Amino acid sequence: MRIVVLVKEVPDTYGDRKLDLETGLADRGASEAVLDEIGERALEVALSHADAHAGTEVVLLSMSPESAVTSLRKGLAMGAASAVQVVDERLAGADLGLTAEVLAAAVARAGFDLVITGNQSTDGSGGILPAMIAERLRVAQLTALVSVDLTDDAVRGQRRTESGIATVSASLPAVISITEALPDARFPNFKGIMAAKKKPFETISLGDLGIDPERADAPRSIMTAIAERPAREAGTKITDEGDAGEQLAAFLVQNQLV
C-alpha cells in the first residue's frame, strides 16, 4: 500500500504572524517556519499503520518554497520513506483552486492508495482543500475524522457531528483528512535523522506535472482589499454599586450577545 501524506510548512503559531500589506501574503519571515502540527498528526496516522503492516510505503508531499526542505527532512526522519516537493516561484500566493490542482496532479504522478491530510492548516485555515483534491482525483473523501481504521482495501473512521458521532467508510483509493483528536506525532530519533539524509527526495516543478505555467499565473481569485489588524481596545470595566447585573445585561444587549 502506498500512502501519500500532504504536509505544509507554516509560520510558528507561537511567534508573530503578519500579512505583507503590499502583497496580501503571509510574511513568512516574521516568525520561525515549522512543519504544521496537523500535518505531523496525519503523518503519524500513516506511520502507525506502516509499523503494523509490512509493505506499506509512506510518501511525503508538499507544495512549498525551496526553503521548506528542512521541514520535509524532519518528516523523513520521523519515518516516511520518501518525499516529493513541488517548487515553482509562480506558485507563491496560490489560492485554494490552484493549490488543489497542483497537489492532485502531484498525487496522481506519485501514485497512491490513500491520501492523508490535516483538516486545515494553521496559516490558511481554508478547510476545503482535502475535498477539492478528492474531487480532482475522482475518489471518495472522508473528512474531519477523529479516528481512522485502515485495511488493505478500505478506510473507516468516525466524525463528530452536532448530534453525536457518525461512522463513515470508503473503498480505496480515497482521500481522508484528520483532526487534532488524533495522537501527537512521534519525535525523530538519532537513527531516523541519519537515515533521512539517504532517503529519496524529489523536487518537481509545474512543467513536471503537465500544468501550463501561463495558466497557473492566471488569477483564480482576486483580493479586493487588505488592512492591518486593528489594535485591541481596552475592555469595559463594570464596578458593582448595586447595579452591576443591569450594566452587564445592557452590555450584552448592546453587543448583540443575547
Protein backbone atom coordinates (compact mmCIF):
# COMPACT_ATOMS: atom_id res chain seq x y z
CA MET A 1 0.00 0.00 0.00
CA ARG A 2 1.19 3.50 -0.80
CA ILE A 3 0.05 6.30 1.48
CA VAL A 4 0.70 9.89 0.42
CA VAL A 5 0.70 12.38 3.30
CA LEU A 6 0.26 16.05 2.48
CA VAL A 7 2.29 18.33 4.74
CA LYS A 8 2.88 22.07 4.86
CA GLU A 9 5.45 24.41 6.34
CA VAL A 10 3.76 27.26 8.23
CA PRO A 11 4.74 30.18 10.47
CA ASP A 12 5.08 29.05 14.08
CA THR A 13 1.83 29.80 15.92
CA TYR A 14 3.87 30.76 18.98
CA GLY A 15 5.58 33.54 17.04
CA ASP A 16 4.36 36.68 15.30
CA ARG A 17 2.03 36.13 12.35
CA LYS A 18 1.70 39.04 9.98
CA LEU A 19 0.49 39.86 6.48
CA ASP A 20 2.56 41.75 3.93
CA LEU A 21 0.33 44.77 3.37
CA GLU A 22 1.64 45.22 -0.19
CA THR A 23 1.11 41.68 -1.46
CA GLY A 24 -1.54 40.39 0.93
CA LEU A 25 0.56 37.28 1.51
CA ALA A 26 1.73 35.92 4.84
CA ASP A 27 5.01 37.41 5.97
CA ARG A 28 6.84 34.15 6.45
CA GLY A 29 9.92 35.89 7.76
CA ALA A 30 8.05 37.25 10.79
CA SER A 31 8.41 34.00 12.74
CA GLU A 32 10.11 30.64 12.59
CA ALA A 33 8.90 28.23 9.91
CA VAL A 34 7.78 24.81 11.19
CA LEU A 35 6.04 21.72 9.91
CA ASP A 36 2.33 22.20 10.59
CA GLU A 37 1.28 20.15 13.63
CA ILE A 38 -1.86 18.81 11.95
CA GLY A 39 0.31 17.54 9.09
CA GLU A 40 2.54 15.80 11.61
CA ARG A 41 -0.51 14.08 13.09
CA ALA A 42 -1.56 12.97 9.59
CA LEU A 43 1.92 11.53 9.12
CA GLU A 44 1.64 9.72 12.46
CA VAL A 45 -1.56 8.00 11.26
CA ALA A 46 0.30 6.74 8.19
CA LEU A 47 3.41 5.70 10.10
CA SER A 48 1.41 3.84 12.75
CA HIS A 49 -0.22 1.79 10.01
CA ALA A 50 3.14 1.18 8.34
CA ASP A 51 4.63 0.00 11.64
CA ALA A 52 1.99 -2.74 11.87
CA HIS A 53 1.74 -3.63 8.17
CA ALA A 54 4.85 -4.57 6.22
CA GLY A 55 4.84 -3.38 2.64
CA THR A 56 3.26 0.00 3.44
CA GLU A 57 5.11 2.91 1.84
CA VAL A 58 4.63 6.41 3.23
CA VAL A 59 5.38 9.29 0.87
CA LEU A 60 5.51 12.94 1.95
CA LEU A 61 4.20 15.53 -0.49
CA SER A 62 4.37 19.30 -0.17
CA MET A 63 3.88 22.34 -2.39
CA SER A 64 6.26 24.81 -0.82
CA PRO A 65 9.22 27.15 -1.27
CA GLU A 66 12.61 25.55 -1.70
CA SER A 67 13.50 26.64 1.84
CA ALA A 68 10.92 24.18 3.26
CA VAL A 69 13.28 21.27 2.59
CA THR A 70 14.28 21.24 6.27
CA SER A 71 10.70 20.62 7.38
CA LEU A 72 10.32 17.79 4.86
CA ARG A 73 13.56 16.23 6.08
CA LYS A 74 12.00 16.19 9.55
CA GLY A 75 9.13 14.13 8.16
CA LEU A 76 11.62 11.71 6.64
CA ALA A 77 13.41 11.48 9.98
CA MET A 78 10.09 10.62 11.64
CA GLY A 79 9.81 7.60 9.35
CA ALA A 80 8.43 8.49 5.91
CA ALA A 81 10.08 6.51 3.11
CA SER A 82 10.44 9.34 0.58
CA ALA A 83 9.43 12.93 -0.13
CA VAL A 84 8.22 14.91 -3.12
CA GLN A 85 8.36 18.71 -3.08
CA VAL A 86 6.65 20.88 -5.70
CA VAL A 87 8.74 24.03 -6.05
CA ASP A 88 7.88 26.79 -8.51
CA GLU A 89 8.10 30.53 -7.90
CA ARG A 90 4.86 31.02 -9.85
CA LEU A 91 3.01 29.21 -7.05
CA ALA A 92 3.75 31.91 -4.48
CA GLY A 93 0.41 33.05 -3.06
CA ALA A 94 -1.53 30.31 -4.88
CA ASP A 95 -5.20 30.20 -3.89
CA LEU A 96 -7.08 27.03 -2.96
CA GLY A 97 -8.14 26.28 -6.54
CA LEU A 98 -4.61 26.32 -7.93
CA THR A 99 -3.22 24.55 -4.86
CA ALA A 100 -5.74 21.72 -5.25
CA GLU A 101 -4.94 21.36 -8.95
CA VAL A 102 -1.19 21.17 -8.32
CA LEU A 103 -1.38 18.80 -5.35
CA ALA A 104 -3.85 16.49 -7.11
CA ALA A 105 -1.56 16.31 -10.13
CA ALA A 106 1.42 15.57 -7.88
CA VAL A 107 -0.50 12.86 -6.00
CA ALA A 108 -1.58 11.23 -9.27
CA ARG A 109 2.00 11.36 -10.53
CA ALA A 110 3.32 9.70 -7.35
CA GLY A 111 0.62 7.03 -7.31
CA PHE A 112 -1.47 6.34 -4.23
CA ASP A 113 -3.88 4.07 -2.43
CA LEU A 114 -4.68 6.61 0.27
CA VAL A 115 -4.06 10.34 0.73
CA ILE A 116 -3.99 11.66 4.30
CA THR A 117 -4.13 15.37 5.16
CA GLY A 118 -4.93 17.55 8.12
CA ASN A 119 -8.40 19.06 8.18
CA GLN A 120 -6.99 22.59 7.83
CA SER A 121 -3.65 24.34 8.07
CA THR A 122 -2.87 26.81 10.84
CA ASP A 123 -1.97 29.59 8.41
CA GLY A 124 -4.68 29.47 5.74
CA SER A 125 -7.42 27.63 7.70
CA GLY A 126 -9.38 27.03 4.49
CA GLY A 127 -10.61 23.58 5.48
CA ILE A 128 -11.83 22.71 1.97
CA LEU A 129 -8.60 21.57 0.28
CA PRO A 130 -8.98 17.81 1.04
CA ALA A 131 -12.40 17.77 -0.63
CA MET A 132 -11.11 19.71 -3.63
CA ILE A 133 -8.23 17.28 -4.10
CA ALA A 134 -10.56 14.27 -3.84
CA GLU A 135 -12.82 15.82 -6.46
CA ARG A 136 -9.92 16.29 -8.88
CA LEU A 137 -8.68 12.75 -8.25
CA ARG A 138 -12.26 11.44 -8.59
CA VAL A 139 -12.02 9.32 -5.45
CA ALA A 140 -14.04 9.11 -2.25
CA GLN A 141 -13.35 11.50 0.62
CA LEU A 142 -13.73 11.10 4.37
CA THR A 143 -13.08 14.42 6.09
CA ALA A 144 -12.58 15.69 9.66
CA LEU A 145 -12.01 12.23 11.11
CA VAL A 146 -11.41 11.75 14.83
CA SER A 147 -10.42 8.09 14.36
CA VAL A 148 -9.02 6.06 11.46
CA ASP A 149 -9.18 2.32 10.79
CA LEU A 150 -7.35 1.24 7.65
CA THR A 151 -7.42 -2.16 5.91
CA ASP A 152 -5.92 -3.35 2.63
CA ASP A 153 -8.87 -2.21 0.55
CA ALA A 154 -10.90 0.23 2.65
CA VAL A 155 -10.71 3.04 5.21
CA ARG A 156 -13.15 3.69 8.02
CA GLY A 157 -13.38 6.40 10.62
CA GLN A 158 -15.54 8.48 12.89
CA ARG A 159 -16.57 12.10 12.55
CA ARG A 160 -18.11 14.29 15.25
CA THR A 161 -21.42 15.89 14.32
CA GLU A 162 -23.87 18.19 16.09
CA SER A 163 -25.95 15.18 17.09
CA GLY A 164 -23.20 12.74 18.03
CA ILE A 165 -20.67 10.53 16.23
CA ALA A 166 -21.01 9.41 12.60
CA THR A 167 -19.15 6.35 11.31
CA VAL A 168 -18.08 6.67 7.68
CA SER A 169 -16.20 4.36 5.31
CA ALA A 170 -14.95 4.15 1.74
CA SER A 171 -13.14 1.76 -0.54
CA LEU A 172 -9.60 2.62 -1.60
CA PRO A 173 -8.31 4.69 -3.26
CA ALA A 174 -9.54 7.59 -1.16
CA VAL A 175 -8.64 10.90 0.46
CA ILE A 176 -9.09 11.45 4.19
CA SER A 177 -8.46 14.39 6.48
CA ILE A 178 -7.92 14.12 10.22
CA THR A 179 -8.44 16.46 13.17
CA GLU A 180 -6.39 17.20 16.28
CA ALA A 181 -8.26 14.38 18.04
CA LEU A 182 -5.69 12.01 16.52
CA PRO A 183 -2.50 11.30 18.52
CA ASP A 184 0.51 13.60 18.64
CA ALA A 185 3.30 12.78 16.21
CA ARG A 186 6.38 10.86 17.27
CA PHE A 187 9.71 12.64 17.66
CA PRO A 188 12.54 11.89 15.23
CA ASN A 189 15.32 9.90 16.89
CA PHE A 190 19.01 9.99 16.01
CA LYS A 191 18.76 6.89 13.83
CA GLY A 192 15.87 8.42 11.90
CA ILE A 193 17.68 11.72 11.44
CA MET A 194 20.73 9.98 9.97
CA ALA A 195 18.60 7.72 7.75
CA ALA A 196 16.66 10.71 6.40
CA LYS A 197 19.78 12.01 4.68
CA LYS A 198 19.79 8.98 2.35
CA LYS A 199 16.08 8.70 1.62
CA PRO A 200 14.71 9.61 -1.84
CA PHE A 201 13.83 13.30 -2.13
CA GLU A 202 12.40 14.54 -5.43
CA THR A 203 11.89 18.18 -6.37
CA ILE A 204 9.48 18.83 -9.24
CA SER A 205 8.00 21.86 -11.00
CA LEU A 206 4.77 22.77 -12.77
CA GLY A 207 6.27 21.51 -16.02
CA ASP A 208 6.85 18.07 -14.50
CA LEU A 209 3.15 17.95 -13.62
CA GLY A 210 2.00 18.93 -17.09
CA ILE A 211 0.49 22.19 -15.81
CA ASP A 212 0.87 25.16 -18.15
CA PRO A 213 2.79 27.85 -16.21
CA GLU A 214 0.88 30.57 -18.05
CA ARG A 215 -2.42 29.11 -16.87
CA ALA A 216 -1.05 28.87 -13.34
CA ASP A 217 -0.35 32.60 -13.43
CA ALA A 218 -3.98 33.39 -14.27
CA PRO A 219 -5.86 34.55 -11.14
CA ARG A 220 -8.43 32.11 -9.75
CA SER A 221 -9.49 34.61 -7.11
CA ILE A 222 -8.94 38.33 -6.63
CA MET A 223 -8.06 40.12 -3.40
CA THR A 224 -10.01 43.37 -3.23
CA ALA A 225 -8.65 44.90 -0.02
CA ILE A 226 -6.18 44.30 2.78
CA ALA A 227 -5.73 46.07 6.10
CA GLU A 228 -3.67 45.59 9.23
CA ARG A 229 -5.50 44.13 12.19
CA PRO A 230 -6.62 46.98 14.47
CA ALA A 231 -5.06 47.27 17.90
CA ARG A 232 -7.02 45.62 20.68
CA GLU A 233 -9.14 48.14 22.54
CA ALA A 234 -9.48 48.28 26.30
CA GLY A 235 -12.37 46.23 27.63
CA THR A 236 -15.37 47.54 29.53
CA LYS A 237 -14.95 47.57 33.30
CA ILE A 238 -18.05 47.28 35.44
CA THR A 239 -17.92 48.49 39.04
CA ASP A 240 -20.59 46.94 41.19
CA GLU A 241 -22.53 49.61 43.01
CA GLY A 242 -25.66 47.54 43.26
CA ASP A 243 -26.48 47.70 39.55
CA ALA A 244 -23.73 45.51 38.07
CA GLY A 245 -26.28 43.00 36.79
CA GLU A 246 -28.15 45.70 34.91
CA GLN A 247 -24.92 47.07 33.43
CA LEU A 248 -23.85 43.59 32.32
CA ALA A 249 -27.23 42.91 30.72
CA ALA A 250 -27.11 46.26 28.90
CA PHE A 251 -23.60 45.48 27.64
CA LEU A 252 -24.68 42.08 26.29
CA VAL A 253 -27.70 43.58 24.54
CA GLN A 254 -25.66 46.44 23.06
CA ASN A 255 -23.14 43.99 21.58
CA GLN A 256 -25.87 41.62 20.34
CA LEU A 257 -24.63 38.81 22.56
CA VAL A 258 -28.08 37.84 23.80
